Amino acid sequence: MIDILLVEDDKEICFILTELLKRNHYNVSAYHNGIEAIEALSSKKYDLMLLDLMLPDCLVKNNYFT
């Protein structure tokens, strides 16, 4: 199965995306902030990451992914 890391601060959007992905047989780890996402990335390998680029603690602005 494909492991997906979902990072979305809007809890409703996160819930909807998580449910849709799980119904389609994906393993989803969902987090609501960048700090949790960084911790998740350090402990597990994911096949795909869906990242909200407008996070309040924006990982992209802090050059974490560049």
N, C-alpha and C. Protein backbone atom coordinates (compact mmCIF):
# COMPACT_ATOMS: atom_id res chain seq x y z
N MET A 1 0.83 -1.19 0.00
CA MET A 1 0.00 0.00 0.00
C MET A 1 0.87 1.25 0.00
N ILE A 2 0.37 2.32 -0.56
CA ILE A 2 1.10 3.57 -0.65
C ILE A 2 0.90 4.38 0.63
N ASP A 3 2.01 4.87 1.19
CA ASP A 3 1.98 5.70 2.40
C ASP A 3 2.02 7.17 2.01
N ILE A 4 1.02 7.93 2.48
CA ILE A 4 0.92 9.35 2.16
C ILE A 4 1.01 10.17 3.44
N LEU A 5 1.82 11.21 3.38
CA LEU A 5 1.90 12.19 4.45
C LEU A 5 1.08 13.39 4.02
N LEU A 6 0.05 13.72 4.77
CA LEU A 6 -0.82 14.86 4.48
C LEU A 6 -0.58 15.94 5.53
N VAL A 7 -0.27 17.15 5.07
CA VAL A 7 -0.02 18.26 5.99
C VAL A 7 -0.99 19.38 5.62
N GLU A 8 -1.98 19.60 6.45
CA GLU A 8 -3.03 20.58 6.20
C GLU A 8 -3.52 21.14 7.53
N ASP A 9 -3.47 22.47 7.68
CA ASP A 9 -3.87 23.07 8.96
C ASP A 9 -5.37 23.23 9.10
N ASP A 10 -6.12 23.22 8.01
CA ASP A 10 -7.58 23.30 8.08
C ASP A 10 -8.10 21.90 8.41
N LYS A 11 -8.62 21.73 9.60
CA LYS A 11 -9.00 20.40 10.08
C LYS A 11 -10.11 19.76 9.25
N GLU A 12 -11.03 20.56 8.74
CA GLU A 12 -12.11 20.01 7.92
C GLU A 12 -11.58 19.50 6.58
N ILE A 13 -10.74 20.28 5.93
CA ILE A 13 -10.14 19.84 4.68
C ILE A 13 -9.29 18.60 4.91
N CYS A 14 -8.53 18.61 5.98
CA CYS A 14 -7.68 17.47 6.32
C CYS A 14 -8.52 16.20 6.51
N PHE A 15 -9.63 16.32 7.22
CA PHE A 15 -10.52 15.18 7.45
C PHE A 15 -11.07 14.65 6.14
N ILE A 16 -11.55 15.55 5.29
CA ILE A 16 -12.14 15.13 4.01
C ILE A 16 -11.11 14.43 3.13
N LEU A 17 -9.93 15.01 3.01
CA LEU A 17 -8.87 14.40 2.20
C LEU A 17 -8.46 13.04 2.76
N THR A 18 -8.33 12.98 4.08
CA THR A 18 -7.93 11.72 4.72
C THR A 18 -8.95 10.63 4.44
N GLU A 19 -10.23 10.94 4.60
CA GLU A 19 -11.29 9.95 4.36
C GLU A 19 -11.32 9.50 2.90
N LEU A 20 -11.19 10.43 1.98
CA LEU A 20 -11.19 10.06 0.56
C LEU A 20 -10.03 9.16 0.21
N LEU A 21 -8.86 9.50 0.71
CA LEU A 21 -7.68 8.68 0.43
C LEU A 21 -7.79 7.30 1.06
N LYS A 22 -8.25 7.23 2.29
CA LYS A 22 -8.39 5.93 2.95
C LYS A 22 -9.42 5.05 2.25
N ARG A 23 -10.50 5.64 1.77
CA ARG A 23 -11.52 4.88 1.03
C ARG A 23 -10.95 4.30 -0.26
N ASN A 24 -9.90 4.90 -0.76
CA ASN A 24 -9.25 4.42 -1.97
C ASN A 24 -8.00 3.60 -1.65
N HIS A 25 -7.94 3.12 -0.42
CA HIS A 25 -6.94 2.15 0.03
C HIS A 25 -5.51 2.69 0.13
N TYR A 26 -5.39 3.96 0.52
CA TYR A 26 -4.08 4.53 0.81
C TYR A 26 -3.90 4.60 2.32
N ASN A 27 -2.67 4.45 2.76
CA ASN A 27 -2.34 4.69 4.17
C ASN A 27 -2.05 6.18 4.30
N VAL A 28 -2.75 6.84 5.21
CA VAL A 28 -2.60 8.29 5.35
C VAL A 28 -2.19 8.63 6.77
N SER A 29 -1.14 9.43 6.88
CA SER A 29 -0.75 10.03 8.15
C SER A 29 -0.99 11.52 8.00
N ALA A 30 -1.92 12.05 8.78
CA ALA A 30 -2.31 13.45 8.64
C ALA A 30 -1.80 14.27 9.82
N TYR A 31 -1.28 15.45 9.49
CA TYR A 31 -0.77 16.36 10.51
C TYR A 31 -1.27 17.77 10.21
N HIS A 32 -1.39 18.57 11.27
CA HIS A 32 -1.98 19.90 11.13
C HIS A 32 -0.96 21.03 11.21
N ASN A 33 0.32 20.70 11.34
CA ASN A 33 1.33 21.76 11.34
C ASN A 33 2.67 21.20 10.86
N GLY A 34 3.54 22.12 10.51
CA GLY A 34 4.83 21.74 9.96
C GLY A 34 5.75 21.03 10.93
N ILE A 35 5.67 21.39 12.20
CA ILE A 35 6.53 20.75 13.20
C ILE A 35 6.23 19.25 13.28
N GLU A 36 4.95 18.90 13.33
CA GLU A 36 4.56 17.48 13.36
C GLU A 36 5.01 16.78 12.08
N ALA A 37 4.89 17.47 10.95
CA ALA A 37 5.29 16.87 9.67
C ALA A 37 6.78 16.56 9.64
N ILE A 38 7.59 17.48 10.13
CA ILE A 38 9.04 17.25 10.16
C ILE A 38 9.36 16.05 11.04
N GLU A 39 8.71 15.95 12.19
CA GLU A 39 8.93 14.80 13.07
C GLU A 39 8.52 13.51 12.38
N ALA A 40 7.39 13.53 11.65
CA ALA A 40 6.93 12.34 10.94
C ALA A 40 7.92 11.94 9.85
N LEU A 41 8.45 12.93 9.14
CA LEU A 41 9.42 12.63 8.09
C LEU A 41 10.72 12.04 8.62
N SER A 42 11.06 12.39 9.84
CA SER A 42 12.30 11.86 10.41
C SER A 42 12.16 10.43 10.93
N SER A 43 10.91 9.98 11.07
CA SER A 43 10.71 8.64 11.63
C SER A 43 10.15 7.62 10.64
N LYS A 44 9.74 8.07 9.45
CA LYS A 44 9.14 7.14 8.50
C LYS A 44 9.35 7.65 7.08
N LYS A 45 9.45 6.72 6.14
CA LYS A 45 9.56 7.07 4.73
C LYS A 45 8.17 7.03 4.10
N TYR A 46 7.82 8.09 3.38
CA TYR A 46 6.53 8.19 2.72
C TYR A 46 6.71 8.13 1.22
N ASP A 47 5.70 7.62 0.54
CA ASP A 47 5.72 7.55 -0.91
C ASP A 47 5.29 8.87 -1.55
N LEU A 48 4.46 9.62 -0.83
CA LEU A 48 3.93 10.87 -1.36
C LEU A 48 3.61 11.80 -0.20
N MET A 49 3.84 13.10 -0.42
CA MET A 49 3.47 14.09 0.58
C MET A 49 2.55 15.12 -0.07
N LEU A 50 1.41 15.36 0.55
CA LEU A 50 0.49 16.41 0.14
C LEU A 50 0.64 17.53 1.16
N LEU A 51 1.16 18.66 0.71
CA LEU A 51 1.56 19.73 1.62
C LEU A 51 0.81 21.02 1.32
N ASP A 52 0.18 21.57 2.32
CA ASP A 52 -0.43 22.89 2.23
C ASP A 52 0.69 23.92 2.29
N LEU A 53 0.89 24.64 1.19
CA LEU A 53 2.00 25.59 1.13
C LEU A 53 1.73 26.87 1.92
N MET A 54 0.52 27.05 2.41
CA MET A 54 0.17 28.26 3.15
C MET A 54 0.04 27.99 4.66
N LEU A 55 0.78 27.02 5.16
CA LEU A 55 0.75 26.71 6.59
C LEU A 55 1.20 27.92 7.41
N PRO A 56 0.60 28.12 8.58
CA PRO A 56 1.03 29.23 9.45
C PRO A 56 2.51 29.16 9.82
N ASP A 57 3.01 27.96 10.05
CA ASP A 57 4.43 27.79 10.39
C ASP A 57 5.21 27.35 9.16
N CYS A 58 4.86 27.90 8.06
CA CYS A 58 5.26 27.51 6.71
C CYS A 58 6.66 26.94 6.58
N LEU A 59 6.71 25.66 6.24
CA LEU A 59 7.97 24.96 6.04
C LEU A 59 8.71 25.49 4.82
N VAL A 60 7.98 25.87 3.80
CA VAL A 60 8.61 26.32 2.57
C VAL A 60 9.29 27.66 2.78
N LYS A 61 8.66 28.59 3.51
CA LYS A 61 9.27 29.89 3.77
C LYS A 61 10.55 29.75 4.58
N ASN A 62 10.62 28.71 5.39
CA ASN A 62 11.81 28.48 6.21
C ASN A 62 12.83 27.62 5.48
N ASN A 63 12.61 27.39 4.20
CA ASN A 63 13.52 26.63 3.34
C ASN A 63 13.75 25.19 3.78
N TYR A 64 12.78 24.59 4.46
CA TYR A 64 12.96 23.20 4.88
C TYR A 64 13.00 22.26 3.67
N PHE A 65 12.23 22.55 2.65
CA PHE A 65 12.13 21.65 1.50
C PHE A 65 12.92 22.11 0.29
N THR A 66 13.82 23.06 0.46
CA THR A 66 14.60 23.52 -0.69
C THR A 66 16.01 22.98 -0.62
